[in-house]
């Protein structure tokens, strides 16, 4: 399974992983281990994403719409939701929902997943979940993202390494933390010298 910000890209047959995700999501209890969203408008907005995806052909594996918590009937709750078979043109796959919604986009190959990732105008971070070191290497080398993770969901590096993305996710001329962040204030000078004219070789040798 290959992860990107808006929705995971499931490469090949990932049904066993999705079964585990559903099992874990079913353990989440609204009102205890999952709080309410901020307002009625937020609840309606989140649920509209789910409804729209369903109408466009996605499969709702776990539906958190119309959740009511006993004793907290006036709370704005959305239960854990898992959407499968979404496509890249759906809003649930392109926009951040800011709710307990996981959207799955299925692809056949890792190159198809990378093509989707790299077509995104942003490039803050990406993650790959795999037990293959070679595959992990391939993704981190070819993904157009400033921060890459292997088997971690949020690939934010610890100091002294820089925090920062690529493409439209880039802020200014450098990372916002770490050693590379001072590059904005650095004026580099490159000097090329040759001290041995008798050697008979050019300066590139």
C-alpha atoms as a PDB file:
ATOM      1  CA  UNK A   1       0.000   0.000   0.000  1.00  0.00           C
ATOM      2  CA  UNK A   2       1.346   3.378  -1.030  1.00  0.00           C
ATOM      3  CA  UNK A   3       0.267   6.423   0.941  1.00  0.00           C
ATOM      4  CA  UNK A   4      -0.315  10.002  -0.110  1.00  0.00           C
ATOM      5  CA  UNK A   5      -1.779  12.966   1.736  1.00  0.00           C
ATOM      6  CA  UNK A   6      -5.366  12.833   0.543  1.00  0.00           C
ATOM      7  CA  UNK A   7      -5.917   9.123   0.126  1.00  0.00           C
ATOM      8  CA  UNK A   8      -3.895   5.904   0.223  1.00  0.00           C
ATOM      9  CA  UNK A   9      -3.139   4.237  -3.088  1.00  0.00           C
ATOM     10  CA  UNK A  10      -3.652   0.488  -2.698  1.00  0.00           C
ATOM     11  CA  UNK A  11      -1.290  -1.343  -5.053  1.00  0.00           C
ATOM     12  CA  UNK A  12      -2.489  -4.781  -6.122  1.00  0.00           C
ATOM     13  CA  UNK A  13      -4.585  -6.917  -3.798  1.00  0.00           C
ATOM     14  CA  UNK A  14      -4.764  -5.185  -0.421  1.00  0.00           C
ATOM     15  CA  UNK A  15      -8.023  -6.718   0.787  1.00  0.00           C
ATOM     16  CA  UNK A  16      -6.410  -8.318   3.840  1.00  0.00           C
ATOM     17  CA  UNK A  17      -5.026  -4.931   4.911  1.00  0.00           C
ATOM     18  CA  UNK A  18      -8.397  -3.266   4.413  1.00  0.00           C
ATOM     19  CA  UNK A  19     -10.055  -5.969   6.524  1.00  0.00           C
ATOM     20  CA  UNK A  20      -7.666  -5.108   9.371  1.00  0.00           C
ATOM     21  CA  UNK A  21      -8.344  -1.391   8.910  1.00  0.00           C
ATOM     22  CA  UNK A  22     -12.075  -1.987   9.162  1.00  0.00           C
ATOM     23  CA  UNK A  23     -11.570  -4.108  12.276  1.00  0.00           C
ATOM     24  CA  UNK A  24      -9.517  -1.378  13.944  1.00  0.00           C
ATOM     25  CA  UNK A  25     -11.959   1.343  12.901  1.00  0.00           C
ATOM     26  CA  UNK A  26     -14.873  -0.582  14.411  1.00  0.00           C
ATOM     27  CA  UNK A  27     -13.143  -0.368  17.792  1.00  0.00           C
ATOM     28  CA  UNK A  28     -13.290   3.434  17.716  1.00  0.00           C
ATOM     29  CA  UNK A  29     -16.215   4.729  19.760  1.00  0.00           C
ATOM     30  CA  UNK A  30     -17.746   8.135  19.061  1.00  0.00           C
ATOM     31  CA  UNK A  31     -18.110  10.137  22.247  1.00  0.00           C
ATOM     32  CA  UNK A  32     -15.253   8.318  23.995  1.00  0.00           C
ATOM     33  CA  UNK A  33     -12.278   7.595  21.742  1.00  0.00           C
ATOM     34  CA  UNK A  34     -13.479   9.879  18.956  1.00  0.00           C
ATOM     35  CA  UNK A  35     -14.774  13.356  19.616  1.00  0.00           C
ATOM     36  CA  UNK A  36     -17.291  15.457  17.746  1.00  0.00           C
ATOM     37  CA  UNK A  37     -16.447  17.695  14.807  1.00  0.00           C
ATOM     38  CA  UNK A  38     -16.458  21.435  15.411  1.00  0.00           C
ATOM     39  CA  UNK A  39     -19.934  22.375  14.130  1.00  0.00           C
ATOM     40  CA  UNK A  40     -23.080  21.302  12.345  1.00  0.00           C
ATOM     41  CA  UNK A  41     -21.716  22.824   9.157  1.00  0.00           C
ATOM     42  CA  UNK A  42     -18.537  20.735   9.466  1.00  0.00           C
ATOM     43  CA  UNK A  43     -20.593  17.559   9.993  1.00  0.00           C
ATOM     44  CA  UNK A  44     -22.723  18.321   6.942  1.00  0.00           C
ATOM     45  CA  UNK A  45     -19.654  19.113   4.834  1.00  0.00           C
ATOM     46  CA  UNK A  46     -17.877  15.888   5.787  1.00  0.00           C
ATOM     47  CA  UNK A  47     -20.956  13.761   5.195  1.00  0.00           C
ATOM     48  CA  UNK A  48     -21.497  15.445   1.817  1.00  0.00           C
ATOM     49  CA  UNK A  49     -18.097  14.149   0.697  1.00  0.00           C
ATOM     50  CA  UNK A  50     -19.126  10.614   1.617  1.00  0.00           C
ATOM     51  CA  UNK A  51     -22.507  10.871  -0.106  1.00  0.00           C
ATOM     52  CA  UNK A  52     -20.975  12.355  -3.244  1.00  0.00           C
ATOM     53  CA  UNK A  53     -18.358   9.587  -3.458  1.00  0.00           C
ATOM     54  CA  UNK A  54     -21.059   6.946  -3.078  1.00  0.00           C
ATOM     55  CA  UNK A  55     -23.137   8.552  -5.822  1.00  0.00           C
ATOM     56  CA  UNK A  56     -20.090   8.579  -8.098  1.00  0.00           C
ATOM     57  CA  UNK A  57     -19.533   4.847  -7.703  1.00  0.00           C
ATOM     58  CA  UNK A  58     -17.209   4.461  -4.725  1.00  0.00           C
ATOM     59  CA  UNK A  59     -17.960   1.708  -2.212  1.00  0.00           C
ATOM     60  CA  UNK A  60     -18.575   2.672   1.412  1.00  0.00           C
ATOM     61  CA  UNK A  61     -16.967  -0.080   3.497  1.00  0.00           C
ATOM     62  CA  UNK A  62     -17.686   1.640   6.802  1.00  0.00           C
ATOM     63  CA  UNK A  63     -20.242   4.431   7.031  1.00  0.00           C
ATOM     64  CA  UNK A  64     -20.018   7.084   9.748  1.00  0.00           C
ATOM     65  CA  UNK A  65     -22.867   9.275   8.521  1.00  0.00           C
ATOM     66  CA  UNK A  66     -25.847  10.031  10.738  1.00  0.00           C
ATOM     67  CA  UNK A  67     -23.986   8.990  13.882  1.00  0.00           C
ATOM     68  CA  UNK A  68     -25.848   9.704  17.125  1.00  0.00           C
ATOM     69  CA  UNK A  69     -24.182   9.193  20.497  1.00  0.00           C
ATOM     70  CA  UNK A  70     -26.600   8.294  23.340  1.00  0.00           C
ATOM     71  CA  UNK A  71     -26.601  11.046  25.929  1.00  0.00           C
ATOM     72  CA  UNK A  72     -24.864  13.403  23.496  1.00  0.00           C
ATOM     73  CA  UNK A  73     -27.598  13.726  20.924  1.00  0.00           C
ATOM     74  CA  UNK A  74     -26.791  17.377  20.302  1.00  0.00           C
ATOM     75  CA  UNK A  75     -23.165  16.629  19.430  1.00  0.00           C
ATOM     76  CA  UNK A  76     -21.931  16.833  15.848  1.00  0.00           C
ATOM     77  CA  UNK A  77     -20.499  13.348  15.392  1.00  0.00           C
ATOM     78  CA  UNK A  78     -19.211  11.615  12.286  1.00  0.00           C
ATOM     79  CA  UNK A  79     -18.194   8.012  12.782  1.00  0.00           C
ATOM     80  CA  UNK A  80     -15.122   6.352  11.246  1.00  0.00           C
ATOM     81  CA  UNK A  81     -15.649   6.000   7.509  1.00  0.00           C
ATOM     82  CA  UNK A  82     -13.734   3.958   4.942  1.00  0.00           C
ATOM     83  CA  UNK A  83     -14.356   4.559   1.244  1.00  0.00           C
ATOM     84  CA  UNK A  84     -13.041   2.052  -1.322  1.00  0.00           C
ATOM     85  CA  UNK A  85     -12.739   2.151  -5.098  1.00  0.00           C
ATOM     86  CA  UNK A  86     -12.525   5.921  -5.281  1.00  0.00           C
ATOM     87  CA  UNK A  87     -11.020   7.445  -8.404  1.00  0.00           C
ATOM     88  CA  UNK A  88      -8.555  10.287  -8.671  1.00  0.00           C
ATOM     89  CA  UNK A  89     -11.130  12.684 -10.086  1.00  0.00           C
ATOM     90  CA  UNK A  90     -13.388  12.413  -7.021  1.00  0.00           C
ATOM     91  CA  UNK A  91     -13.275  15.199  -4.436  1.00  0.00           C
ATOM     92  CA  UNK A  92     -12.682  12.669  -1.644  1.00  0.00           C
ATOM     93  CA  UNK A  93      -9.409  11.730  -3.357  1.00  0.00           C
ATOM     94  CA  UNK A  94      -8.296  15.280  -4.157  1.00  0.00           C
ATOM     95  CA  UNK A  95      -9.339  17.427  -1.208  1.00  0.00           C
ATOM     96  CA  UNK A  96      -8.608  17.260   2.498  1.00  0.00           C
ATOM     97  CA  UNK A  97     -11.814  16.334   4.290  1.00  0.00           C
ATOM     98  CA  UNK A  98     -10.712  17.120   7.849  1.00  0.00           C
ATOM     99  CA  UNK A  99     -12.855  14.347   9.253  1.00  0.00           C
ATOM    100  CA  UNK A 100     -12.559  10.650  10.203  1.00  0.00           C
ATOM    101  CA  UNK A 101     -12.686   9.493   6.581  1.00  0.00           C
ATOM    102  CA  UNK A 102     -10.196   7.203   4.843  1.00  0.00           C
ATOM    103  CA  UNK A 103     -10.412   7.055   1.050  1.00  0.00           C
ATOM    104  CA  UNK A 104      -8.802   4.221  -0.917  1.00  0.00           C
ATOM    105  CA  UNK A 105      -7.758   4.554  -4.561  1.00  0.00           C
ATOM    106  CA  UNK A 106      -6.812   1.202  -6.117  1.00  0.00           C
ATOM    107  CA  UNK A 107      -4.014   0.855  -8.674  1.00  0.00           C
ATOM    108  CA  UNK A 108      -2.356  -2.152 -10.299  1.00  0.00           C
ATOM    109  CA  UNK A 109       1.327  -1.189 -10.150  1.00  0.00           C
ATOM    110  CA  UNK A 110       3.702   0.940  -8.139  1.00  0.00           C
ATOM    111  CA  UNK A 111       4.467   2.993 -11.250  1.00  0.00           C
ATOM    112  CA  UNK A 112       0.774   3.804 -11.598  1.00  0.00           C
ATOM    113  CA  UNK A 113       0.794   4.927  -7.966  1.00  0.00           C
ATOM    114  CA  UNK A 114       3.873   7.095  -8.542  1.00  0.00           C
ATOM    115  CA  UNK A 115       2.291   8.647 -11.629  1.00  0.00           C
ATOM    116  CA  UNK A 116      -0.709   9.717  -9.540  1.00  0.00           C
ATOM    117  CA  UNK A 117       1.526  11.029  -6.751  1.00  0.00           C
ATOM    118  CA  UNK A 118       3.755  12.980  -9.100  1.00  0.00           C
ATOM    119  CA  UNK A 119       0.845  14.448 -11.080  1.00  0.00           C
ATOM    120  CA  UNK A 120      -0.255  16.236  -7.907  1.00  0.00           C
ATOM    121  CA  UNK A 121       0.869  19.889  -7.992  1.00  0.00           C
ATOM    122  CA  UNK A 122       1.894  19.622  -4.347  1.00  0.00           C
ATOM    123  CA  UNK A 123       4.788  17.661  -2.922  1.00  0.00           C
ATOM    124  CA  UNK A 124       4.924  18.005   0.827  1.00  0.00           C
ATOM    125  CA  UNK A 125       5.297  14.355   1.806  1.00  0.00           C
ATOM    126  CA  UNK A 126       4.605  10.778   0.821  1.00  0.00           C
ATOM    127  CA  UNK A 127       4.801   7.377   2.490  1.00  0.00           C
ATOM    128  CA  UNK A 128       5.172   3.818   1.299  1.00  0.00           C
ATOM    129  CA  UNK A 129       4.140   0.800   3.354  1.00  0.00           C
ATOM    130  CA  UNK A 130       6.023  -2.320   2.322  1.00  0.00           C
ATOM    131  CA  UNK A 131       8.318  -5.089   3.526  1.00  0.00           C
ATOM    132  CA  UNK A 132      10.504  -4.770   0.417  1.00  0.00           C
ATOM    133  CA  UNK A 133      13.580  -2.604   0.818  1.00  0.00           C
ATOM    134  CA  UNK A 134      14.021  -2.381  -2.942  1.00  0.00           C
ATOM    135  CA  UNK A 135      10.475  -1.179  -3.447  1.00  0.00           C
ATOM    136  CA  UNK A 136      10.818   1.370  -0.646  1.00  0.00           C
ATOM    137  CA  UNK A 137      14.001   2.670  -2.257  1.00  0.00           C
ATOM    138  CA  UNK A 138      12.315   2.911  -5.641  1.00  0.00           C
ATOM    139  CA  UNK A 139       9.461   4.973  -4.247  1.00  0.00           C
ATOM    140  CA  UNK A 140      11.580   7.364  -2.184  1.00  0.00           C
ATOM    141  CA  UNK A 141      13.893   7.986  -5.150  1.00  0.00           C
ATOM    142  CA  UNK A 142      11.092   8.570  -7.653  1.00  0.00           C
ATOM    143  CA  UNK A 143       8.372  10.318  -5.649  1.00  0.00           C
ATOM    144  CA  UNK A 144       8.208  14.073  -6.185  1.00  0.00           C
ATOM    145  CA  UNK A 145       7.950  14.949  -2.503  1.00  0.00           C
ATOM    146  CA  UNK A 146      10.233  16.770  -0.115  1.00  0.00           C
ATOM    147  CA  UNK A 147       9.738  14.333   2.754  1.00  0.00           C
ATOM    148  CA  UNK A 148       9.395  10.568   2.317  1.00  0.00           C
ATOM    149  CA  UNK A 149       8.455   7.922   4.848  1.00  0.00           C
ATOM    150  CA  UNK A 150       8.801   4.158   4.878  1.00  0.00           C
ATOM    151  CA  UNK A 151       6.187   2.399   7.008  1.00  0.00           C
ATOM    152  CA  UNK A 152       5.271   5.589   8.863  1.00  0.00           C
ATOM    153  CA  UNK A 153       2.160   7.652   8.265  1.00  0.00           C
ATOM    154  CA  UNK A 154       3.520  11.162   8.786  1.00  0.00           C
ATOM    155  CA  UNK A 155       7.102  11.398   7.476  1.00  0.00           C
ATOM    156  CA  UNK A 156       8.173  14.496   9.384  1.00  0.00           C
ATOM    157  CA  UNK A 157      11.920  14.278  10.130  1.00  0.00           C
ATOM    158  CA  UNK A 158      13.371  15.130  13.521  1.00  0.00           C
ATOM    159  CA  UNK A 159      15.880  17.910  13.949  1.00  0.00           C
ATOM    160  CA  UNK A 160      18.473  18.658  12.702  1.00  0.00           C
ATOM    161  CA  UNK A 161      16.891  17.563   9.418  1.00  0.00           C
ATOM    162  CA  UNK A 162      14.804  20.052   7.482  1.00  0.00           C
ATOM    163  CA  UNK A 163      11.026  20.147   7.323  1.00  0.00           C
ATOM    164  CA  UNK A 164       9.809  21.167   3.896  1.00  0.00           C
ATOM    165  CA  UNK A 165       8.120  20.007   0.714  1.00  0.00           C
ATOM    166  CA  UNK A 166       8.657  20.288  -3.011  1.00  0.00           C
ATOM    167  CA  UNK A 167       6.636  21.803  -5.852  1.00  0.00           C
ATOM    168  CA  UNK A 168       3.676  23.905  -4.678  1.00  0.00           C
ATOM    169  CA  UNK A 169       4.304  22.712  -1.102  1.00  0.00           C
ATOM    170  CA  UNK A 170       7.626  24.522  -0.954  1.00  0.00           C
ATOM    171  CA  UNK A 171       7.829  27.541   1.315  1.00  0.00           C
ATOM    172  CA  UNK A 172      10.221  30.235   0.160  1.00  0.00           C
ATOM    173  CA  UNK A 173      13.626  29.109  -1.042  1.00  0.00           C
ATOM    174  CA  UNK A 174      14.399  26.464   1.549  1.00  0.00           C
ATOM    175  CA  UNK A 175      13.153  24.259   4.356  1.00  0.00           C
ATOM    176  CA  UNK A 176      11.588  25.960   7.343  1.00  0.00           C
ATOM    177  CA  UNK A 177      13.672  24.103   9.947  1.00  0.00           C
ATOM    178  CA  UNK A 178      16.983  22.313  10.126  1.00  0.00           C
ATOM    179  CA  UNK A 179      20.375  23.154   8.668  1.00  0.00           C
ATOM    180  CA  UNK A 180      18.992  23.698   5.179  1.00  0.00           C
ATOM    181  CA  UNK A 181      16.727  26.504   6.418  1.00  0.00           C
ATOM    182  CA  UNK A 182      19.695  28.901   6.614  1.00  0.00           C
ATOM    183  CA  UNK A 183      20.224  28.563   2.880  1.00  0.00           C
ATOM    184  CA  UNK A 184      17.919  31.527   2.401  1.00  0.00           C
ATOM    185  CA  UNK A 185      20.485  33.725   4.160  1.00  0.00           C
ATOM    186  CA  UNK A 186      23.513  32.144   2.488  1.00  0.00           C
ATOM    187  CA  UNK A 187      25.278  33.617  -0.534  1.00  0.00           C
ATOM    188  CA  UNK A 188      27.403  30.884  -2.065  1.00  0.00           C
ATOM    189  CA  UNK A 189      30.633  31.483  -3.974  1.00  0.00           C
ATOM    190  CA  UNK A 190      32.262  28.897  -6.228  1.00  0.00           C
ATOM    191  CA  UNK A 191      35.980  29.233  -7.084  1.00  0.00           C
ATOM    192  CA  UNK A 192      37.758  27.086  -9.660  1.00  0.00           C
ATOM    193  CA  UNK A 193      41.577  27.233  -9.754  1.00  0.00           C
ATOM    194  CA  UNK A 194      44.430  25.672 -11.718  1.00  0.00           C
ATOM    195  CA  UNK A 195      47.968  25.744 -10.326  1.00  0.00           C
ATOM    196  CA  UNK A 196      49.931  23.427 -12.600  1.00  0.00           C
ATOM    197  CA  UNK A 197      50.207  24.703 -16.199  1.00  0.00           C
ATOM    198  CA  UNK A 198      52.980  22.166 -16.915  1.00  0.00           C
ATOM    199  CA  UNK A 199      50.637  19.223 -16.409  1.00  0.00           C
ATOM    200  CA  UNK A 200      49.218  19.557 -19.896  1.00  0.00           C
ATOM    201  CA  UNK A 201      45.661  18.720 -18.851  1.00  0.00           C
ATOM    202  CA  UNK A 202      42.558  20.861 -18.932  1.00  0.00           C
ATOM    203  CA  UNK A 203      40.834  22.223 -15.851  1.00  0.00           C
ATOM    204  CA  UNK A 204      38.184  19.498 -15.955  1.00  0.00           C
ATOM    205  CA  UNK A 205      40.756  16.696 -15.482  1.00  0.00           C
END
